[in-house]
Amino acid sequence: VQLQASGGGLVQAGGSLRLSCAVSGRSTFSRYSVAWFRRAPGKGREFVVANRRSGVSAYYADSVKGRFTISRDNAKNTVYLQMNNLKPEDTAVYYCAAGSRIISSTVSGAESYDYWGQGTLVTVSS
């Protein structure tokens, strides 16, 4: 399974961006849970949001609730992250990840995901 993240860029505070993550290599994309993590300069990797394979529920980090929205298009094997009202503290490299054995108690753990994209840089200026 290969993941290709895109859509990062430079945006002013309060602005919006939409990240995409194209997943290839499997025909059963709908069975995978997908997530976004980020790594800010000088900090560790941080969970942002996940969408479990059932598609019923999404899990958001408190820091992005109400501003970020994850969605997926199973027909296109693509996951999206809509980011609104961006803040300078959202500046980071964003990574998409996928896994087939995610349960609710492990959804925010990076070690739970088997496949990772290369990351896309989001820079929010103040």
C-alpha atoms as a PDB file:
ATOM      1  CA  VAL A   1       0.000   0.000   0.000  1.00  0.00           C
ATOM      2  CA  GLN A   2       1.343   3.424  -0.960  1.00  0.00           C
ATOM      3  CA  LEU A   3       0.130   6.755   0.330  1.00  0.00           C
ATOM      4  CA  GLN A   4       0.755  10.087  -1.382  1.00  0.00           C
ATOM      5  CA  ALA A   5      -0.068  13.242   0.559  1.00  0.00           C
ATOM      6  CA  SER A   6      -0.482  16.612  -1.124  1.00  0.00           C
ATOM      7  CA  GLY A   7      -2.085  20.010  -0.706  1.00  0.00           C
ATOM      8  CA  GLY A   8       0.210  21.677   1.780  1.00  0.00           C
ATOM      9  CA  GLY A   9       1.358  25.241   1.421  1.00  0.00           C
ATOM     10  CA  LEU A  10       1.622  28.663   2.982  1.00  0.00           C
ATOM     11  CA  VAL A  11      -1.525  30.286   4.313  1.00  0.00           C
ATOM     12  CA  GLN A  12      -2.322  33.197   6.584  1.00  0.00           C
ATOM     13  CA  ALA A  13      -3.873  32.658   9.978  1.00  0.00           C
ATOM     14  CA  GLY A  14      -7.606  32.223   9.649  1.00  0.00           C
ATOM     15  CA  GLY A  15      -7.274  30.736   6.203  1.00  0.00           C
ATOM     16  CA  SER A  16      -8.068  27.266   4.906  1.00  0.00           C
ATOM     17  CA  LEU A  17      -6.332  24.408   3.167  1.00  0.00           C
ATOM     18  CA  ARG A  18      -7.413  20.981   2.026  1.00  0.00           C
ATOM     19  CA  LEU A  19      -4.961  18.125   2.154  1.00  0.00           C
ATOM     20  CA  SER A  20      -5.373  14.991   0.090  1.00  0.00           C
ATOM     21  CA  CYS A  21      -3.988  11.513   0.565  1.00  0.00           C
ATOM     22  CA  ALA A  22      -4.189   9.149  -2.369  1.00  0.00           C
ATOM     23  CA  VAL A  23      -3.961   5.474  -1.453  1.00  0.00           C
ATOM     24  CA  SER A  24      -2.872   2.902  -3.989  1.00  0.00           C
ATOM     25  CA  GLY A  25      -1.874  -0.725  -4.064  1.00  0.00           C
ATOM     26  CA  ARG A  26      -5.028  -2.327  -2.718  1.00  0.00           C
ATOM     27  CA  SER A  27      -8.550  -2.646  -3.976  1.00  0.00           C
ATOM     28  CA  THR A  28     -10.037  -2.770  -0.502  1.00  0.00           C
ATOM     29  CA  PHE A  29      -9.377   0.776   0.567  1.00  0.00           C
ATOM     30  CA  SER A  30     -12.739   0.933   2.332  1.00  0.00           C
ATOM     31  CA  ARG A  31     -11.483  -1.621   4.850  1.00  0.00           C
ATOM     32  CA  TYR A  32      -8.655   0.613   6.022  1.00  0.00           C
ATOM     33  CA  SER A  33      -8.771   3.103   8.811  1.00  0.00           C
ATOM     34  CA  VAL A  34      -7.020   6.293   7.812  1.00  0.00           C
ATOM     35  CA  ALA A  35      -5.544   9.066   9.886  1.00  0.00           C
ATOM     36  CA  TRP A  36      -3.595  12.287   9.781  1.00  0.00           C
ATOM     37  CA  PHE A  37      -0.688  13.032  12.070  1.00  0.00           C
ATOM     38  CA  ARG A  38       1.571  16.035  12.154  1.00  0.00           C
ATOM     39  CA  ARG A  39       5.009  16.990  13.331  1.00  0.00           C
ATOM     40  CA  ALA A  40       5.688  20.605  14.193  1.00  0.00           C
ATOM     41  CA  PRO A  41       9.237  21.996  14.105  1.00  0.00           C
ATOM     42  CA  GLY A  42      11.157  20.713  17.099  1.00  0.00           C
ATOM     43  CA  LYS A  43       8.277  18.608  18.373  1.00  0.00           C
ATOM     44  CA  GLY A  44       7.177  15.011  18.277  1.00  0.00           C
ATOM     45  CA  ARG A  45       4.557  13.456  16.067  1.00  0.00           C
ATOM     46  CA  GLU A  46       1.028  14.372  17.061  1.00  0.00           C
ATOM     47  CA  PHE A  47      -2.272  12.707  16.273  1.00  0.00           C
ATOM     48  CA  VAL A  48      -4.697  14.959  14.412  1.00  0.00           C
ATOM     49  CA  VAL A  49      -7.687  12.941  13.247  1.00  0.00           C
ATOM     50  CA  ALA A  50      -8.693   9.444  12.222  1.00  0.00           C
ATOM     51  CA  ASN A  51     -11.527   7.889  10.315  1.00  0.00           C
ATOM     52  CA  ARG A  52     -12.115   4.245  11.102  1.00  0.00           C
ATOM     53  CA  ARG A  53     -12.784   1.816   8.322  1.00  0.00           C
ATOM     54  CA  SER A  54     -16.442   1.619   9.215  1.00  0.00           C
ATOM     55  CA  GLY A  55     -16.765   5.244   8.205  1.00  0.00           C
ATOM     56  CA  VAL A  56     -19.177   5.757  11.041  1.00  0.00           C
ATOM     57  CA  SER A  57     -17.086   7.792  13.387  1.00  0.00           C
ATOM     58  CA  ALA A  58     -14.141  10.121  13.312  1.00  0.00           C
ATOM     59  CA  TYR A  59     -11.773  10.939  16.108  1.00  0.00           C
ATOM     60  CA  TYR A  60     -10.292  14.402  16.457  1.00  0.00           C
ATOM     61  CA  ALA A  61      -7.586  15.810  18.622  1.00  0.00           C
ATOM     62  CA  ASP A  62      -8.951  18.506  20.907  1.00  0.00           C
ATOM     63  CA  SER A  63      -6.685  21.068  19.300  1.00  0.00           C
ATOM     64  CA  VAL A  64      -8.421  20.747  15.926  1.00  0.00           C
ATOM     65  CA  LYS A  65     -12.019  19.968  16.857  1.00  0.00           C
ATOM     66  CA  GLY A  66     -14.449  22.279  15.129  1.00  0.00           C
ATOM     67  CA  ARG A  67     -11.812  23.446  12.641  1.00  0.00           C
ATOM     68  CA  PHE A  68     -10.636  20.314  10.816  1.00  0.00           C
ATOM     69  CA  THR A  69     -12.758  17.733   9.023  1.00  0.00           C
ATOM     70  CA  ILE A  70     -11.684  14.381   7.675  1.00  0.00           C
ATOM     71  CA  SER A  71     -13.495  12.749   4.809  1.00  0.00           C
ATOM     72  CA  ARG A  72     -12.861   9.909   2.434  1.00  0.00           C
ATOM     73  CA  ASP A  73     -13.881   8.981  -1.061  1.00  0.00           C
ATOM     74  CA  ASN A  74     -13.670   5.212  -1.300  1.00  0.00           C
ATOM     75  CA  ALA A  75     -14.325   5.301  -5.038  1.00  0.00           C
ATOM     76  CA  LYS A  76     -11.222   7.445  -5.513  1.00  0.00           C
ATOM     77  CA  ASN A  77      -9.169   5.791  -2.761  1.00  0.00           C
ATOM     78  CA  THR A  78      -8.541   9.226  -1.341  1.00  0.00           C
ATOM     79  CA  VAL A  79      -8.727  10.788   2.090  1.00  0.00           C
ATOM     80  CA  TYR A  80      -9.117  14.510   2.618  1.00  0.00           C
ATOM     81  CA  LEU A  81      -8.378  16.820   5.498  1.00  0.00           C
ATOM     82  CA  GLN A  82     -10.216  20.120   5.330  1.00  0.00           C
ATOM     83  CA  MET A  83      -8.529  22.616   7.603  1.00  0.00           C
ATOM     84  CA  ASN A  84     -10.323  25.855   8.417  1.00  0.00           C
ATOM     85  CA  ASN A  85      -9.469  28.760  10.680  1.00  0.00           C
ATOM     86  CA  LEU A  86      -5.824  27.775  10.629  1.00  0.00           C
ATOM     87  CA  LYS A  87      -3.559  29.001  13.381  1.00  0.00           C
ATOM     88  CA  PRO A  88       0.216  29.463  13.462  1.00  0.00           C
ATOM     89  CA  GLU A  89       0.426  26.519  15.857  1.00  0.00           C
ATOM     90  CA  ASP A  90      -0.972  24.298  13.091  1.00  0.00           C
ATOM     91  CA  THR A  91       2.315  24.741  11.225  1.00  0.00           C
ATOM     92  CA  ALA A  92       3.740  21.265  10.724  1.00  0.00           C
ATOM     93  CA  VAL A  93       4.461  18.494   8.291  1.00  0.00           C
ATOM     94  CA  TYR A  94       1.254  16.524   7.920  1.00  0.00           C
ATOM     95  CA  TYR A  95       1.341  12.795   7.325  1.00  0.00           C
ATOM     96  CA  CYS A  96      -1.428  10.461   6.310  1.00  0.00           C
ATOM     97  CA  ALA A  97      -1.458   6.900   7.543  1.00  0.00           C
ATOM     98  CA  ALA A  98      -3.509   3.771   7.003  1.00  0.00           C
ATOM     99  CA  GLY A  99      -4.061   0.585   8.920  1.00  0.00           C
ATOM    100  CA  SER A 100      -6.347  -2.417   8.804  1.00  0.00           C
ATOM    101  CA  ARG A 101      -6.388  -3.355  12.489  1.00  0.00           C
ATOM    102  CA  ILE A 102      -7.372  -0.115  14.143  1.00  0.00           C
ATOM    103  CA  ILE A 103      -9.772  -0.184  17.049  1.00  0.00           C
ATOM    104  CA  SER A 104     -11.168   2.724  19.007  1.00  0.00           C
ATOM    105  CA  SER A 105      -8.601   2.412  21.784  1.00  0.00           C
ATOM    106  CA  THR A 106      -5.655   2.546  19.393  1.00  0.00           C
ATOM    107  CA  VAL A 107      -6.892   5.029  16.827  1.00  0.00           C
ATOM    108  CA  SER A 108      -4.596   7.832  17.971  1.00  0.00           C
ATOM    109  CA  GLY A 109      -1.458   5.750  18.266  1.00  0.00           C
ATOM    110  CA  ALA A 110       1.007   6.112  15.433  1.00  0.00           C
ATOM    111  CA  GLU A 111       2.290   2.604  16.050  1.00  0.00           C
ATOM    112  CA  SER A 112      -1.129   1.240  15.114  1.00  0.00           C
ATOM    113  CA  TYR A 113      -0.768   2.251  11.473  1.00  0.00           C
ATOM    114  CA  ASP A 114       1.033   0.123   8.935  1.00  0.00           C
ATOM    115  CA  TYR A 115       1.397   2.504   6.023  1.00  0.00           C
ATOM    116  CA  TRP A 116       2.547   6.115   5.844  1.00  0.00           C
ATOM    117  CA  GLY A 117       2.716   8.851   3.272  1.00  0.00           C
ATOM    118  CA  GLN A 118       5.724  11.111   2.802  1.00  0.00           C
ATOM    119  CA  GLY A 119       4.242  14.210   4.421  1.00  0.00           C
ATOM    120  CA  THR A 120       3.191  17.610   3.171  1.00  0.00           C
ATOM    121  CA  LEU A 121       4.233  20.893   4.772  1.00  0.00           C
ATOM    122  CA  VAL A 122       1.640  23.329   6.065  1.00  0.00           C
ATOM    123  CA  THR A 123       2.878  26.754   7.121  1.00  0.00           C
ATOM    124  CA  VAL A 124       0.510  29.209   8.775  1.00  0.00           C
ATOM    125  CA  SER A 125       1.737  32.771   9.059  1.00  0.00           C
ATOM    126  CA  SER A 126       0.500  35.146  11.730  1.00  0.00           C
END
